[in-house]
Amino acid sequence: AKNTVYLQMNSLKPEDTAVYYCNAV
């Protein structure tokens, strides 16, 4: 309904370091 996507990230590690990009089709 809100055209929104979420990403809950837990137990983060240094290797998760990055630029995160949202995408939609």
mmCIF file of all heavy atoms, coordinates in Angstrom:
data_MODEL
# 
_entry.id   MODEL 
# 
loop_
_atom_site.group_PDB 
_atom_site.id 
_atom_site.type_symbol 
_atom_site.label_atom_id 
_atom_site.label_alt_id 
_atom_site.label_comp_id 
_atom_site.label_asym_id 
_atom_site.label_entity_id 
_atom_site.label_seq_id 
_atom_site.pdbx_PDB_ins_code 
_atom_site.Cartn_x 
_atom_site.Cartn_y 
_atom_site.Cartn_z 
_atom_site.occupancy 
_atom_site.B_iso_or_equiv 
_atom_site.pdbx_formal_charge 
_atom_site.auth_seq_id 
_atom_site.auth_comp_id 
_atom_site.auth_asym_id 
_atom_site.auth_atom_id 
_atom_site.pdbx_PDB_model_num 
ATOM 1   N N   . ALA A 1 1  ? 0.819  -1.209  0.000   1.00 0.00 ? 1  ALA A N   1 
ATOM 2   C CA  . ALA A 1 1  ? 0.000  0.000   0.000   1.00 0.00 ? 1  ALA A CA  1 
ATOM 3   C C   . ALA A 1 1  ? 0.854  1.261   0.000   1.00 0.00 ? 1  ALA A C   1 
ATOM 4   O O   . ALA A 1 1  ? 0.440  2.292   -0.526  1.00 0.00 ? 1  ALA A O   1 
ATOM 5   C CB  . ALA A 1 1  ? -0.949 0.003   1.192   1.00 0.00 ? 1  ALA A CB  1 
ATOM 6   N N   . LYS A 1 2  ? 2.036  1.177   0.598   1.00 0.00 ? 2  LYS A N   1 
ATOM 7   C CA  . LYS A 1 2  ? 2.934  2.317   0.673   1.00 0.00 ? 2  LYS A CA  1 
ATOM 8   C C   . LYS A 1 2  ? 4.046  2.273   -0.370  1.00 0.00 ? 2  LYS A C   1 
ATOM 9   O O   . LYS A 1 2  ? 4.885  3.176   -0.408  1.00 0.00 ? 2  LYS A O   1 
ATOM 10  C CB  . LYS A 1 2  ? 3.563  2.409   2.062   1.00 0.00 ? 2  LYS A CB  1 
ATOM 11  C CG  . LYS A 1 2  ? 2.575  2.668   3.183   1.00 0.00 ? 2  LYS A CG  1 
ATOM 12  C CD  . LYS A 1 2  ? 3.285  2.747   4.524   1.00 0.00 ? 2  LYS A CD  1 
ATOM 13  C CE  . LYS A 1 2  ? 2.318  3.031   5.652   1.00 0.00 ? 2  LYS A CE  1 
ATOM 14  N NZ  . LYS A 1 2  ? 3.007  3.103   6.963   1.00 0.00 ? 2  LYS A NZ  1 
ATOM 15  N N   . ASN A 1 3  ? 4.066  1.226   -1.196  1.00 0.00 ? 3  ASN A N   1 
ATOM 16  C CA  . ASN A 1 3  ? 5.147  1.034   -2.166  1.00 0.00 ? 3  ASN A CA  1 
ATOM 17  C C   . ASN A 1 3  ? 6.509  1.153   -1.500  1.00 0.00 ? 3  ASN A C   1 
ATOM 18  O O   . ASN A 1 3  ? 7.420  1.825   -2.002  1.00 0.00 ? 3  ASN A O   1 
ATOM 19  C CB  . ASN A 1 3  ? 5.034  2.040   -3.316  1.00 0.00 ? 3  ASN A CB  1 
ATOM 20  C CG  . ASN A 1 3  ? 3.902  1.715   -4.271  1.00 0.00 ? 3  ASN A CG  1 
ATOM 21  O OD1 . ASN A 1 3  ? 3.482  0.569   -4.392  1.00 0.00 ? 3  ASN A OD1 1 
ATOM 22  N ND2 . ASN A 1 3  ? 3.409  2.734   -4.957  1.00 0.00 ? 3  ASN A ND2 1 
ATOM 23  N N   . THR A 1 4  ? 6.644  0.479   -0.390  1.00 0.00 ? 4  THR A N   1 
ATOM 24  C CA  . THR A 1 4  ? 7.850  0.573   0.423   1.00 0.00 ? 4  THR A CA  1 
ATOM 25  C C   . THR A 1 4  ? 8.402  -0.812  0.711   1.00 0.00 ? 4  THR A C   1 
ATOM 26  O O   . THR A 1 4  ? 7.642  -1.748  0.986   1.00 0.00 ? 4  THR A O   1 
ATOM 27  C CB  . THR A 1 4  ? 7.562  1.299   1.743   1.00 0.00 ? 4  THR A CB  1 
ATOM 28  O OG1 . THR A 1 4  ? 7.096  2.627   1.461   1.00 0.00 ? 4  THR A OG1 1 
ATOM 29  C CG2 . THR A 1 4  ? 8.811  1.389   2.605   1.00 0.00 ? 4  THR A CG2 1 
ATOM 30  N N   . VAL A 1 5  ? 9.718  -0.930  0.648   1.00 0.00 ? 5  VAL A N   1 
ATOM 31  C CA  . VAL A 1 5  ? 10.403 -2.166  0.991   1.00 0.00 ? 5  VAL A CA  1 
ATOM 32  C C   . VAL A 1 5  ? 11.381 -1.871  2.121   1.00 0.00 ? 5  VAL A C   1 
ATOM 33  O O   . VAL A 1 5  ? 11.958 -0.777  2.196   1.00 0.00 ? 5  VAL A O   1 
ATOM 34  C CB  . VAL A 1 5  ? 11.122 -2.775  -0.233  1.00 0.00 ? 5  VAL A CB  1 
ATOM 35  C CG1 . VAL A 1 5  ? 12.218 -1.850  -0.753  1.00 0.00 ? 5  VAL A CG1 1 
ATOM 36  C CG2 . VAL A 1 5  ? 11.677 -4.155  0.098   1.00 0.00 ? 5  VAL A CG2 1 
ATOM 37  N N   . TYR A 1 6  ? 11.553 -2.846  3.005   1.00 0.00 ? 6  TYR A N   1 
ATOM 38  C CA  . TYR A 1 6  ? 12.413 -2.698  4.165   1.00 0.00 ? 6  TYR A CA  1 
ATOM 39  C C   . TYR A 1 6  ? 13.456 -3.809  4.185   1.00 0.00 ? 6  TYR A C   1 
ATOM 40  O O   . TYR A 1 6  ? 13.243 -4.898  3.661   1.00 0.00 ? 6  TYR A O   1 
ATOM 41  C CB  . TYR A 1 6  ? 11.603 -2.772  5.460   1.00 0.00 ? 6  TYR A CB  1 
ATOM 42  C CG  . TYR A 1 6  ? 10.430 -1.825  5.517   1.00 0.00 ? 6  TYR A CG  1 
ATOM 43  C CD1 . TYR A 1 6  ? 9.162  -2.238  5.113   1.00 0.00 ? 6  TYR A CD1 1 
ATOM 44  C CD2 . TYR A 1 6  ? 10.585 -0.521  5.969   1.00 0.00 ? 6  TYR A CD2 1 
ATOM 45  C CE1 . TYR A 1 6  ? 8.081  -1.374  5.164   1.00 0.00 ? 6  TYR A CE1 1 
ATOM 46  C CE2 . TYR A 1 6  ? 9.513  0.346   6.026   1.00 0.00 ? 6  TYR A CE2 1 
ATOM 47  C CZ  . TYR A 1 6  ? 8.261  -0.081  5.621   1.00 0.00 ? 6  TYR A CZ  1 
ATOM 48  O OH  . TYR A 1 6  ? 7.191  0.778   5.675   1.00 0.00 ? 6  TYR A OH  1 
ATOM 49  N N   . LEU A 1 7  ? 14.571 -3.526  4.823   1.00 0.00 ? 7  LEU A N   1 
ATOM 50  C CA  . LEU A 1 7  ? 15.575 -4.541  5.068   1.00 0.00 ? 7  LEU A CA  1 
ATOM 51  C C   . LEU A 1 7  ? 16.032 -4.410  6.512   1.00 0.00 ? 7  LEU A C   1 
ATOM 52  O O   . LEU A 1 7  ? 16.728 -3.455  6.861   1.00 0.00 ? 7  LEU A O   1 
ATOM 53  C CB  . LEU A 1 7  ? 16.773 -4.399  4.121   1.00 0.00 ? 7  LEU A CB  1 
ATOM 54  C CG  . LEU A 1 7  ? 17.815 -5.513  4.214   1.00 0.00 ? 7  LEU A CG  1 
ATOM 55  C CD1 . LEU A 1 7  ? 17.232 -6.843  3.732   1.00 0.00 ? 7  LEU A CD1 1 
ATOM 56  C CD2 . LEU A 1 7  ? 19.069 -5.158  3.405   1.00 0.00 ? 7  LEU A CD2 1 
ATOM 57  N N   . GLN A 1 8  ? 15.614 -5.358  7.337   1.00 0.00 ? 8  GLN A N   1 
ATOM 58  C CA  . GLN A 1 8  ? 16.055 -5.412  8.721   1.00 0.00 ? 8  GLN A CA  1 
ATOM 59  C C   . GLN A 1 8  ? 17.354 -6.196  8.769   1.00 0.00 ? 8  GLN A C   1 
ATOM 60  O O   . GLN A 1 8  ? 17.392 -7.364  8.375   1.00 0.00 ? 8  GLN A O   1 
ATOM 61  C CB  . GLN A 1 8  ? 14.997 -6.079  9.601   1.00 0.00 ? 8  GLN A CB  1 
ATOM 62  C CG  . GLN A 1 8  ? 15.399 -6.214  11.062  1.00 0.00 ? 8  GLN A CG  1 
ATOM 63  C CD  . GLN A 1 8  ? 15.513 -4.879  11.758  1.00 0.00 ? 8  GLN A CD  1 
ATOM 64  O OE1 . GLN A 1 8  ? 14.639 -4.035  11.622  1.00 0.00 ? 8  GLN A OE1 1 
ATOM 65  N NE2 . GLN A 1 8  ? 16.592 -4.686  12.501  1.00 0.00 ? 8  GLN A NE2 1 
ATOM 66  N N   . MET A 1 9  ? 18.410 -5.569  9.250   1.00 0.00 ? 9  MET A N   1 
ATOM 67  C CA  . MET A 1 9  ? 19.728 -6.174  9.273   1.00 0.00 ? 9  MET A CA  1 
ATOM 68  C C   . MET A 1 9  ? 20.166 -6.338  10.724  1.00 0.00 ? 9  MET A C   1 
ATOM 69  O O   . MET A 1 9  ? 20.378 -5.346  11.428  1.00 0.00 ? 9  MET A O   1 
ATOM 70  C CB  . MET A 1 9  ? 20.739 -5.323  8.501   1.00 0.00 ? 9  MET A CB  1 
ATOM 71  C CG  . MET A 1 9  ? 20.328 -5.055  7.059   1.00 0.00 ? 9  MET A CG  1 
ATOM 72  S SD  . MET A 1 9  ? 21.596 -4.159  6.124   1.00 0.00 ? 9  MET A SD  1 
ATOM 73  C CE  . MET A 1 9  ? 21.559 -2.585  6.989   1.00 0.00 ? 9  MET A CE  1 
ATOM 74  N N   . ASN A 1 10 ? 20.296 -7.576  11.157  1.00 0.00 ? 10 ASN A N   1 
ATOM 75  C CA  . ASN A 1 10 ? 20.725 -7.894  12.507  1.00 0.00 ? 10 ASN A CA  1 
ATOM 76  C C   . ASN A 1 10 ? 22.077 -8.593  12.473  1.00 0.00 ? 10 ASN A C   1 
ATOM 77  O O   . ASN A 1 10 ? 22.506 -9.107  11.444  1.00 0.00 ? 10 ASN A O   1 
ATOM 78  C CB  . ASN A 1 10 ? 19.701 -8.793  13.206  1.00 0.00 ? 10 ASN A CB  1 
ATOM 79  C CG  . ASN A 1 10 ? 18.346 -8.148  13.356  1.00 0.00 ? 10 ASN A CG  1 
ATOM 80  O OD1 . ASN A 1 10 ? 18.231 -6.939  13.537  1.00 0.00 ? 10 ASN A OD1 1 
ATOM 81  N ND2 . ASN A 1 10 ? 17.294 -8.968  13.298  1.00 0.00 ? 10 ASN A ND2 1 
ATOM 82  N N   . SER A 1 11 ? 22.737 -8.626  13.622  1.00 0.00 ? 11 SER A N   1 
ATOM 83  C CA  . SER A 1 11 ? 24.038 -9.295  13.754  1.00 0.00 ? 11 SER A CA  1 
ATOM 84  C C   . SER A 1 11 ? 24.992 -8.865  12.657  1.00 0.00 ? 11 SER A C   1 
ATOM 85  O O   . SER A 1 11 ? 25.650 -9.684  12.004  1.00 0.00 ? 11 SER A O   1 
ATOM 86  C CB  . SER A 1 11 ? 23.851 -10.823 13.737  1.00 0.00 ? 11 SER A CB  1 
ATOM 87  O OG  . SER A 1 11 ? 23.002 -11.237 14.786  1.00 0.00 ? 11 SER A OG  1 
ATOM 88  N N   . LEU A 1 12 ? 25.085 -7.571  12.447  1.00 0.00 ? 12 LEU A N   1 
ATOM 89  C CA  . LEU A 1 12 ? 25.898 -7.044  11.359  1.00 0.00 ? 12 LEU A CA  1 
ATOM 90  C C   . LEU A 1 12 ? 27.376 -7.360  11.551  1.00 0.00 ? 12 LEU A C   1 
ATOM 91  O O   . LEU A 1 12 ? 27.884 -7.366  12.670  1.00 0.00 ? 12 LEU A O   1 
ATOM 92  C CB  . LEU A 1 12 ? 25.689 -5.540  11.228  1.00 0.00 ? 12 LEU A CB  1 
ATOM 93  C CG  . LEU A 1 12 ? 24.377 -5.145  10.548  1.00 0.00 ? 12 LEU A CG  1 
ATOM 94  C CD1 . LEU A 1 12 ? 24.028 -3.698  10.838  1.00 0.00 ? 12 LEU A CD1 1 
ATOM 95  C CD2 . LEU A 1 12 ? 24.481 -5.372  9.038   1.00 0.00 ? 12 LEU A CD2 1 
ATOM 96  N N   . LYS A 1 13 ? 28.035 -7.613  10.440  1.00 0.00 ? 13 LYS A N   1 
ATOM 97  C CA  . LYS A 1 13 ? 29.453 -7.942  10.410  1.00 0.00 ? 13 LYS A CA  1 
ATOM 98  C C   . LYS A 1 13 ? 30.202 -6.911  9.580   1.00 0.00 ? 13 LYS A C   1 
ATOM 99  O O   . LYS A 1 13 ? 29.615 -6.274  8.701   1.00 0.00 ? 13 LYS A O   1 
ATOM 100 C CB  . LYS A 1 13 ? 29.664 -9.331  9.799   1.00 0.00 ? 13 LYS A CB  1 
ATOM 101 C CG  . LYS A 1 13 ? 28.906 -10.449 10.488  1.00 0.00 ? 13 LYS A CG  1 
ATOM 102 C CD  . LYS A 1 13 ? 29.071 -11.760 9.723   1.00 0.00 ? 13 LYS A CD  1 
ATOM 103 C CE  . LYS A 1 13 ? 28.316 -12.885 10.398  1.00 0.00 ? 13 LYS A CE  1 
ATOM 104 N NZ  . LYS A 1 13 ? 28.466 -14.160 9.657   1.00 0.00 ? 13 LYS A NZ  1 
ATOM 105 N N   . PRO A 1 14 ? 31.506 -6.742  9.819   1.00 0.00 ? 14 PRO A N   1 
ATOM 106 C CA  . PRO A 1 14 ? 32.266 -5.793  8.999   1.00 0.00 ? 14 PRO A CA  1 
ATOM 107 C C   . PRO A 1 14 ? 32.152 -6.066  7.499   1.00 0.00 ? 14 PRO A C   1 
ATOM 108 O O   . PRO A 1 14 ? 32.154 -5.113  6.709   1.00 0.00 ? 14 PRO A O   1 
ATOM 109 C CB  . PRO A 1 14 ? 33.704 -5.983  9.496   1.00 0.00 ? 14 PRO A CB  1 
ATOM 110 C CG  . PRO A 1 14 ? 33.540 -6.394  10.916  1.00 0.00 ? 14 PRO A CG  1 
ATOM 111 C CD  . PRO A 1 14 ? 32.312 -7.273  10.925  1.00 0.00 ? 14 PRO A CD  1 
ATOM 112 N N   . GLU A 1 15 ? 32.031 -7.315  7.106   1.00 0.00 ? 15 GLU A N   1 
ATOM 113 C CA  . GLU A 1 15 ? 31.909 -7.632  5.697   1.00 0.00 ? 15 GLU A CA  1 
ATOM 114 C C   . GLU A 1 15 ? 30.579 -7.212  5.085   1.00 0.00 ? 15 GLU A C   1 
ATOM 115 O O   . GLU A 1 15 ? 30.407 -7.292  3.865   1.00 0.00 ? 15 GLU A O   1 
ATOM 116 C CB  . GLU A 1 15 ? 32.147 -9.134  5.445   1.00 0.00 ? 15 GLU A CB  1 
ATOM 117 C CG  . GLU A 1 15 ? 31.352 -10.041 6.353   1.00 0.00 ? 15 GLU A CG  1 
ATOM 118 C CD  . GLU A 1 15 ? 32.158 -10.534 7.547   1.00 0.00 ? 15 GLU A CD  1 
ATOM 119 O OE1 . GLU A 1 15 ? 32.839 -9.714  8.181   1.00 0.00 ? 15 GLU A OE1 1 
ATOM 120 O OE2 . GLU A 1 15 ? 32.110 -11.741 7.839   1.00 0.00 ? 15 GLU A OE2 1 
ATOM 121 N N   . ASP A 1 16 ? 29.633 -6.768  5.906   1.00 0.00 ? 16 ASP A N   1 
ATOM 122 C CA  . ASP A 1 16 ? 28.387 -6.212  5.394   1.00 0.00 ? 16 ASP A CA  1 
ATOM 123 C C   . ASP A 1 16 ? 28.544 -4.760  4.948   1.00 0.00 ? 16 ASP A C   1 
ATOM 124 O O   . ASP A 1 16 ? 27.614 -4.194  4.365   1.00 0.00 ? 16 ASP A O   1 
ATOM 125 C CB  . ASP A 1 16 ? 27.282 -6.291  6.450   1.00 0.00 ? 16 ASP A CB  1 
ATOM 126 C CG  . ASP A 1 16 ? 26.899 -7.715  6.804   1.00 0.00 ? 16 ASP A CG  1 
ATOM 127 O OD1 . ASP A 1 16 ? 26.791 -8.557  5.884   1.00 0.00 ? 16 ASP A OD1 1 
ATOM 128 O OD2 . ASP A 1 16 ? 26.691 -7.989  8.005   1.00 0.00 ? 16 ASP A OD2 1 
ATOM 129 N N   . THR A 1 17 ? 29.687 -4.166  5.238   1.00 0.00 ? 17 THR A N   1 
ATOM 130 C CA  . THR A 1 17 ? 29.927 -2.780  4.858   1.00 0.00 ? 17 THR A CA  1 
ATOM 131 C C   . THR A 1 17 ? 29.845 -2.620  3.348   1.00 0.00 ? 17 THR A C   1 
ATOM 132 O O   . THR A 1 17 ? 30.542 -3.307  2.598   1.00 0.00 ? 17 THR A O   1 
ATOM 133 C CB  . THR A 1 17 ? 31.296 -2.314  5.360   1.00 0.00 ? 17 THR A CB  1 
ATOM 134 O OG1 . THR A 1 17 ? 31.304 -2.320  6.793   1.00 0.00 ? 17 THR A OG1 1 
ATOM 135 C CG2 . THR A 1 17 ? 31.605 -0.908  4.868   1.00 0.00 ? 17 THR A CG2 1 
ATOM 136 N N   . ALA A 1 18 ? 28.988 -1.721  2.897   1.00 0.00 ? 18 ALA A N   1 
ATOM 137 C CA  . ALA A 1 18 ? 28.766 -1.513  1.470   1.00 0.00 ? 18 ALA A CA  1 
ATOM 138 C C   . ALA A 1 18 ? 27.770 -0.378  1.288   1.00 0.00 ? 18 ALA A C   1 
ATOM 139 O O   . ALA A 1 18 ? 27.152 0.087   2.249   1.00 0.00 ? 18 ALA A O   1 
ATOM 140 C CB  . ALA A 1 18 ? 28.224 -2.783  0.807   1.00 0.00 ? 18 ALA A CB  1 
ATOM 141 N N   . VAL A 1 19 ? 27.624 0.040   0.048   1.00 0.00 ? 19 VAL A N   1 
ATOM 142 C CA  . VAL A 1 19 ? 26.512 0.902   -0.316  1.00 0.00 ? 19 VAL A CA  1 
ATOM 143 C C   . VAL A 1 19 ? 25.351 0.001   -0.696  1.00 0.00 ? 19 VAL A C   1 
ATOM 144 O O   . VAL A 1 19 ? 25.497 -0.890  -1.536  1.00 0.00 ? 19 VAL A O   1 
ATOM 145 C CB  . VAL A 1 19 ? 26.858 1.841   -1.481  1.00 0.00 ? 19 VAL A CB  1 
ATOM 146 C CG1 . VAL A 1 19 ? 25.647 2.679   -1.874  1.00 0.00 ? 19 VAL A CG1 1 
ATOM 147 C CG2 . VAL A 1 19 ? 28.023 2.745   -1.103  1.00 0.00 ? 19 VAL A CG2 1 
ATOM 148 N N   . TYR A 1 20 ? 24.218 0.219   -0.073  1.00 0.00 ? 20 TYR A N   1 
ATOM 149 C CA  . TYR A 1 20 ? 23.037 -0.595  -0.316  1.00 0.00 ? 20 TYR A CA  1 
ATOM 150 C C   . TYR A 1 20 ? 22.072 0.158   -1.222  1.00 0.00 ? 20 TYR A C   1 
ATOM 151 O O   . TYR A 1 20 ? 21.728 1.310   -0.962  1.00 0.00 ? 20 TYR A O   1 
ATOM 152 C CB  . TYR A 1 20 ? 22.354 -0.953  1.009   1.00 0.00 ? 20 TYR A CB  1 
ATOM 153 C CG  . TYR A 1 20 ? 23.083 -2.030  1.770   1.00 0.00 ? 20 TYR A CG  1 
ATOM 154 C CD1 . TYR A 1 20 ? 24.314 -1.781  2.356   1.00 0.00 ? 20 TYR A CD1 1 
ATOM 155 C CD2 . TYR A 1 20 ? 22.543 -3.313  1.891   1.00 0.00 ? 20 TYR A CD2 1 
ATOM 156 C CE1 . TYR A 1 20 ? 25.001 -2.770  3.030   1.00 0.00 ? 20 TYR A CE1 1 
ATOM 157 C CE2 . TYR A 1 20 ? 23.221 -4.307  2.572   1.00 0.00 ? 20 TYR A CE2 1 
ATOM 158 C CZ  . TYR A 1 20 ? 24.445 -4.035  3.143   1.00 0.00 ? 20 TYR A CZ  1 
ATOM 159 O OH  . TYR A 1 20 ? 25.120 -5.025  3.822   1.00 0.00 ? 20 TYR A OH  1 
ATOM 160 N N   . TYR A 1 21 ? 21.641 -0.511  -2.285  1.00 0.00 ? 21 TYR A N   1 
ATOM 161 C CA  . TYR A 1 21 ? 20.772 0.084   -3.286  1.00 0.00 ? 21 TYR A CA  1 
ATOM 162 C C   . TYR A 1 21 ? 19.417 -0.604  -3.302  1.00 0.00 ? 21 TYR A C   1 
ATOM 163 O O   . TYR A 1 21 ? 19.332 -1.826  -3.404  1.00 0.00 ? 21 TYR A O   1 
ATOM 164 C CB  . TYR A 1 21 ? 21.384 -0.032  -4.685  1.00 0.00 ? 21 TYR A CB  1 
ATOM 165 C CG  . TYR A 1 21 ? 22.698 0.688   -4.859  1.00 0.00 ? 21 TYR A CG  1 
ATOM 166 C CD1 . TYR A 1 21 ? 23.902 0.049   -4.617  1.00 0.00 ? 21 TYR A CD1 1 
ATOM 167 C CD2 . TYR A 1 21 ? 22.723 2.014   -5.294  1.00 0.00 ? 21 TYR A CD2 1 
ATOM 168 C CE1 . TYR A 1 21 ? 25.104 0.702   -4.787  1.00 0.00 ? 21 TYR A CE1 1 
ATOM 169 C CE2 . TYR A 1 21 ? 23.920 2.675   -5.465  1.00 0.00 ? 21 TYR A CE2 1 
ATOM 170 C CZ  . TYR A 1 21 ? 25.107 2.020   -5.213  1.00 0.00 ? 21 TYR A CZ  1 
ATOM 171 O OH  . TYR A 1 21 ? 26.297 2.674   -5.391  1.00 0.00 ? 21 TYR A OH  1 
ATOM 172 N N   . CYS A 1 22 ? 18.382 0.183   -3.240  1.00 0.00 ? 22 CYS A N   1 
ATOM 173 C CA  . CYS A 1 22 ? 17.024 -0.312  -3.388  1.00 0.00 ? 22 CYS A CA  1 
ATOM 174 C C   . CYS A 1 22 ? 16.696 -0.447  -4.866  1.00 0.00 ? 22 CYS A C   1 
ATOM 175 O O   . CYS A 1 22 ? 17.152 0.354   -5.689  1.00 0.00 ? 22 CYS A O   1 
ATOM 176 C CB  . CYS A 1 22 ? 16.052 0.660   -2.724  1.00 0.00 ? 22 CYS A CB  1 
ATOM 177 S SG  . CYS A 1 22 ? 14.304 0.282   -2.964  1.00 0.00 ? 22 CYS A SG  1 
ATOM 178 N N   . ASN A 1 23 ? 15.915 -1.451  -5.220  1.00 0.00 ? 23 ASN A N   1 
ATOM 179 C CA  . ASN A 1 23 ? 15.439 -1.554  -6.586  1.00 0.00 ? 23 ASN A CA  1 
ATOM 180 C C   . ASN A 1 23 ? 13.998 -2.038  -6.613  1.00 0.00 ? 23 ASN A C   1 
ATOM 181 O O   . ASN A 1 23 ? 13.523 -2.682  -5.686  1.00 0.00 ? 23 ASN A O   1 
ATOM 182 C CB  . ASN A 1 23 ? 16.334 -2.470  -7.434  1.00 0.00 ? 23 ASN A CB  1 
ATOM 183 C CG  . ASN A 1 23 ? 16.178 -3.936  -7.096  1.00 0.00 ? 23 ASN A CG  1 
ATOM 184 O OD1 . ASN A 1 23 ? 16.773 -4.433  -6.147  1.00 0.00 ? 23 ASN A OD1 1 
ATOM 185 N ND2 . ASN A 1 23 ? 15.374 -4.645  -7.885  1.00 0.00 ? 23 ASN A ND2 1 
ATOM 186 N N   . ALA A 1 24 ? 13.328 -1.711  -7.701  1.00 0.00 ? 24 ALA A N   1 
ATOM 187 C CA  . ALA A 1 24 ? 11.946 -2.115  -7.886  1.00 0.00 ? 24 ALA A CA  1 
ATOM 188 C C   . ALA A 1 24 ? 11.708 -2.400  -9.354  1.00 0.00 ? 24 ALA A C   1 
ATOM 189 O O   . ALA A 1 24 ? 12.315 -1.774  -10.224 1.00 0.00 ? 24 ALA A O   1 
ATOM 190 C CB  . ALA A 1 24 ? 10.983 -1.033  -7.400  1.00 0.00 ? 24 ALA A CB  1 
ATOM 191 N N   . VAL A 1 25 ? 10.835 -3.351  -9.616  1.00 0.00 ? 25 VAL A N   1 
ATOM 192 C CA  . VAL A 1 25 ? 10.452 -3.697  -10.981 1.00 0.00 ? 25 VAL A CA  1 
ATOM 193 C C   . VAL A 1 25 ? 8.997  -3.316  -11.169 1.00 0.00 ? 25 VAL A C   1 
ATOM 194 O O   . VAL A 1 25 ? 8.130  -3.791  -10.429 1.00 0.00 ? 25 VAL A O   1 
ATOM 195 C CB  . VAL A 1 25 ? 10.650 -5.188  -11.271 1.00 0.00 ? 25 VAL A CB  1 
ATOM 196 C CG1 . VAL A 1 25 ? 10.237 -5.505  -12.704 1.00 0.00 ? 25 VAL A CG1 1 
ATOM 197 C CG2 . VAL A 1 25 ? 12.091 -5.595  -11.030 1.00 0.00 ? 25 VAL A CG2 1 
# 
